Amino acid sequence: MLFNLLDAAPAPGMDYTMIIMLVAMFAILYFFMIRPQQKKQKEIQKFRNSLTVGSKVITAGGIYGTVKDLNNGENYISLEIAKGVTIQIDRNYVFADTAQATQTK
């Protein structure tokens, strides 16, 4: 008797509803989380590629500065953070233009 209860087949149609729910959840996840993040990353990469000498930028660490040298072919830029003080930072740590950052606040 106990074995007969364990061998009971699931109700027909149960498998399809579970698959539909999983697909729906993935679609919601994609359109509300993954896609906007990819769009934001493309905008940031486009900004990094359009940097010019003299651009005023903000780094990931919150440092405001002016681009002094792009060091083409290298993965870093020279950033002047105060008069006569220049640092080299990885190009991937430049996130925003100071004009854009002040407009969003």
C-alpha atoms as a PDB file:
ATOM      1  CA  MET A   1       0.000   0.000   0.000  1.00  0.00           C
ATOM      2  CA  LEU A   2       2.810   2.414   0.860  1.00  0.00           C
ATOM      3  CA  PHE A   3       4.572   1.636  -2.415  1.00  0.00           C
ATOM      4  CA  ASN A   4       1.439   2.395  -4.397  1.00  0.00           C
ATOM      5  CA  LEU A   5       1.306   5.938  -2.956  1.00  0.00           C
ATOM      6  CA  LEU A   6       4.933   6.613  -3.841  1.00  0.00           C
ATOM      7  CA  ASP A   7       4.500   5.417  -7.425  1.00  0.00           C
ATOM      8  CA  ALA A   8       1.595   7.771  -8.116  1.00  0.00           C
ATOM      9  CA  ALA A   9       2.129   9.745 -11.318  1.00  0.00           C
ATOM     10  CA  PRO A  10       1.926  13.549 -11.172  1.00  0.00           C
ATOM     11  CA  ALA A  11      -1.154  15.185 -12.583  1.00  0.00           C
ATOM     12  CA  PRO A  12      -0.910  15.843 -16.326  1.00  0.00           C
ATOM     13  CA  GLY A  13      -0.004  19.423 -17.211  1.00  0.00           C
ATOM     14  CA  MET A  14       2.003  20.118 -14.090  1.00  0.00           C
ATOM     15  CA  ASP A  15       5.311  19.987 -15.948  1.00  0.00           C
ATOM     16  CA  TYR A  16       4.284  22.584 -18.527  1.00  0.00           C
ATOM     17  CA  THR A  17       3.137  25.117 -15.970  1.00  0.00           C
ATOM     18  CA  MET A  18       6.432  24.851 -14.117  1.00  0.00           C
ATOM     19  CA  ILE A  19       8.380  25.393 -17.347  1.00  0.00           C
ATOM     20  CA  ILE A  20       6.203  28.374 -18.280  1.00  0.00           C
ATOM     21  CA  MET A  21       6.728  29.916 -14.831  1.00  0.00           C
ATOM     22  CA  LEU A  22      10.505  29.484 -15.057  1.00  0.00           C
ATOM     23  CA  VAL A  23      10.597  31.071 -18.523  1.00  0.00           C
ATOM     24  CA  ALA A  24       8.433  33.959 -17.318  1.00  0.00           C
ATOM     25  CA  MET A  25      10.668  34.543 -14.297  1.00  0.00           C
ATOM     26  CA  PHE A  26      13.785  34.545 -16.462  1.00  0.00           C
ATOM     27  CA  ALA A  27      12.162  37.008 -18.885  1.00  0.00           C
ATOM     28  CA  ILE A  28      11.281  39.340 -16.018  1.00  0.00           C
ATOM     29  CA  LEU A  29      14.804  39.059 -14.627  1.00  0.00           C
ATOM     30  CA  TYR A  30      16.309  39.794 -18.042  1.00  0.00           C
ATOM     31  CA  PHE A  31      14.163  42.833 -18.870  1.00  0.00           C
ATOM     32  CA  PHE A  32      14.295  44.452 -15.439  1.00  0.00           C
ATOM     33  CA  MET A  33      17.846  43.658 -14.304  1.00  0.00           C
ATOM     34  CA  ILE A  34      20.238  42.301 -16.924  1.00  0.00           C
ATOM     35  CA  ARG A  35      19.297  44.442 -19.940  1.00  0.00           C
ATOM     36  CA  PRO A  36      19.431  47.832 -18.119  1.00  0.00           C
ATOM     37  CA  GLN A  37      22.803  46.921 -16.602  1.00  0.00           C
ATOM     38  CA  GLN A  38      24.225  46.028 -20.024  1.00  0.00           C
ATOM     39  CA  LYS A  39      22.923  49.325 -21.429  1.00  0.00           C
ATOM     40  CA  LYS A  40      24.572  51.280 -18.598  1.00  0.00           C
ATOM     41  CA  GLN A  41      27.887  49.456 -19.152  1.00  0.00           C
ATOM     42  CA  LYS A  42      27.795  50.323 -22.874  1.00  0.00           C
ATOM     43  CA  GLU A  43      27.217  54.011 -22.038  1.00  0.00           C
ATOM     44  CA  ILE A  44      30.155  54.026 -19.608  1.00  0.00           C
ATOM     45  CA  GLN A  45      32.424  52.310 -22.173  1.00  0.00           C
ATOM     46  CA  LYS A  46      31.372  54.826 -24.838  1.00  0.00           C
ATOM     47  CA  PHE A  47      32.250  57.646 -22.419  1.00  0.00           C
ATOM     48  CA  ARG A  48      35.674  56.128 -21.677  1.00  0.00           C
ATOM     49  CA  ASN A  49      36.435  55.818 -25.388  1.00  0.00           C
ATOM     50  CA  SER A  50      35.470  59.465 -25.973  1.00  0.00           C
ATOM     51  CA  LEU A  51      37.809  60.901 -23.313  1.00  0.00           C
ATOM     52  CA  THR A  52      39.957  63.796 -24.457  1.00  0.00           C
ATOM     53  CA  VAL A  53      42.782  65.751 -22.857  1.00  0.00           C
ATOM     54  CA  GLY A  54      41.201  68.418 -20.673  1.00  0.00           C
ATOM     55  CA  SER A  55      38.072  66.410 -19.805  1.00  0.00           C
ATOM     56  CA  LYS A  56      36.984  66.827 -16.196  1.00  0.00           C
ATOM     57  CA  VAL A  57      36.123  63.397 -14.779  1.00  0.00           C
ATOM     58  CA  ILE A  58      35.269  61.521 -11.602  1.00  0.00           C
ATOM     59  CA  THR A  59      36.967  58.230 -10.721  1.00  0.00           C
ATOM     60  CA  ALA A  60      35.429  55.201  -9.023  1.00  0.00           C
ATOM     61  CA  GLY A  61      37.065  56.319  -5.780  1.00  0.00           C
ATOM     62  CA  GLY A  62      35.362  59.716  -5.937  1.00  0.00           C
ATOM     63  CA  ILE A  63      38.434  61.674  -7.057  1.00  0.00           C
ATOM     64  CA  TYR A  64      37.698  64.681  -9.260  1.00  0.00           C
ATOM     65  CA  GLY A  65      40.353  65.571 -11.813  1.00  0.00           C
ATOM     66  CA  THR A  66      41.280  66.705 -15.291  1.00  0.00           C
ATOM     67  CA  VAL A  67      42.668  64.332 -17.923  1.00  0.00           C
ATOM     68  CA  LYS A  68      46.229  65.399 -18.810  1.00  0.00           C
ATOM     69  CA  ASP A  69      47.385  62.463 -20.943  1.00  0.00           C
ATOM     70  CA  LEU A  70      45.502  59.526 -22.459  1.00  0.00           C
ATOM     71  CA  ASN A  71      48.580  57.286 -22.908  1.00  0.00           C
ATOM     72  CA  ASN A  72      47.220  55.745 -26.093  1.00  0.00           C
ATOM     73  CA  GLY A  73      47.951  52.048 -26.349  1.00  0.00           C
ATOM     74  CA  GLU A  74      48.100  51.766 -22.560  1.00  0.00           C
ATOM     75  CA  ASN A  75      45.293  51.005 -20.143  1.00  0.00           C
ATOM     76  CA  TYR A  76      45.861  54.017 -17.900  1.00  0.00           C
ATOM     77  CA  ILE A  77      45.424  57.779 -18.067  1.00  0.00           C
ATOM     78  CA  SER A  78      47.189  60.648 -16.322  1.00  0.00           C
ATOM     79  CA  LEU A  79      44.819  62.684 -14.180  1.00  0.00           C
ATOM     80  CA  GLU A  80      45.609  66.045 -12.600  1.00  0.00           C
ATOM     81  CA  ILE A  81      43.840  66.203  -9.242  1.00  0.00           C
ATOM     82  CA  ALA A  82      45.397  69.467  -8.035  1.00  0.00           C
ATOM     83  CA  LYS A  83      47.699  72.053  -9.576  1.00  0.00           C
ATOM     84  CA  GLY A  84      50.946  70.218 -10.272  1.00  0.00           C
ATOM     85  CA  VAL A  85      49.697  66.902  -8.814  1.00  0.00           C
ATOM     86  CA  THR A  86      49.232  64.201 -11.448  1.00  0.00           C
ATOM     87  CA  ILE A  87      48.325  60.581 -10.836  1.00  0.00           C
ATOM     88  CA  GLN A  88      48.004  57.625 -13.160  1.00  0.00           C
ATOM     89  CA  ILE A  89      44.835  55.578 -12.915  1.00  0.00           C
ATOM     90  CA  ASP A  90      43.384  52.654 -14.806  1.00  0.00           C
ATOM     91  CA  ARG A  91      41.093  53.835 -17.593  1.00  0.00           C
ATOM     92  CA  ASN A  92      38.378  51.440 -16.357  1.00  0.00           C
ATOM     93  CA  TYR A  93      38.054  53.396 -13.102  1.00  0.00           C
ATOM     94  CA  VAL A  94      36.857  56.587 -14.809  1.00  0.00           C
ATOM     95  CA  PHE A  95      33.075  56.617 -14.519  1.00  0.00           C
ATOM     96  CA  ALA A  96      31.589  60.018 -15.204  1.00  0.00           C
ATOM     97  CA  ASP A  97      32.082  63.504 -16.520  1.00  0.00           C
ATOM     98  CA  THR A  98      31.810  66.096 -13.740  1.00  0.00           C
ATOM     99  CA  ALA A  99      29.209  68.050 -15.747  1.00  0.00           C
ATOM    100  CA  GLN A 100      27.013  64.933 -16.023  1.00  0.00           C
ATOM    101  CA  ALA A 101      27.409  64.125 -12.337  1.00  0.00           C
ATOM    102  CA  THR A 102      26.254  67.564 -11.182  1.00  0.00           C
ATOM    103  CA  GLN A 103      23.210  67.482 -13.499  1.00  0.00           C
ATOM    104  CA  THR A 104      21.891  64.219 -12.029  1.00  0.00           C
ATOM    105  CA  LYS A 105      21.776  65.535  -8.463  1.00  0.00           C
END
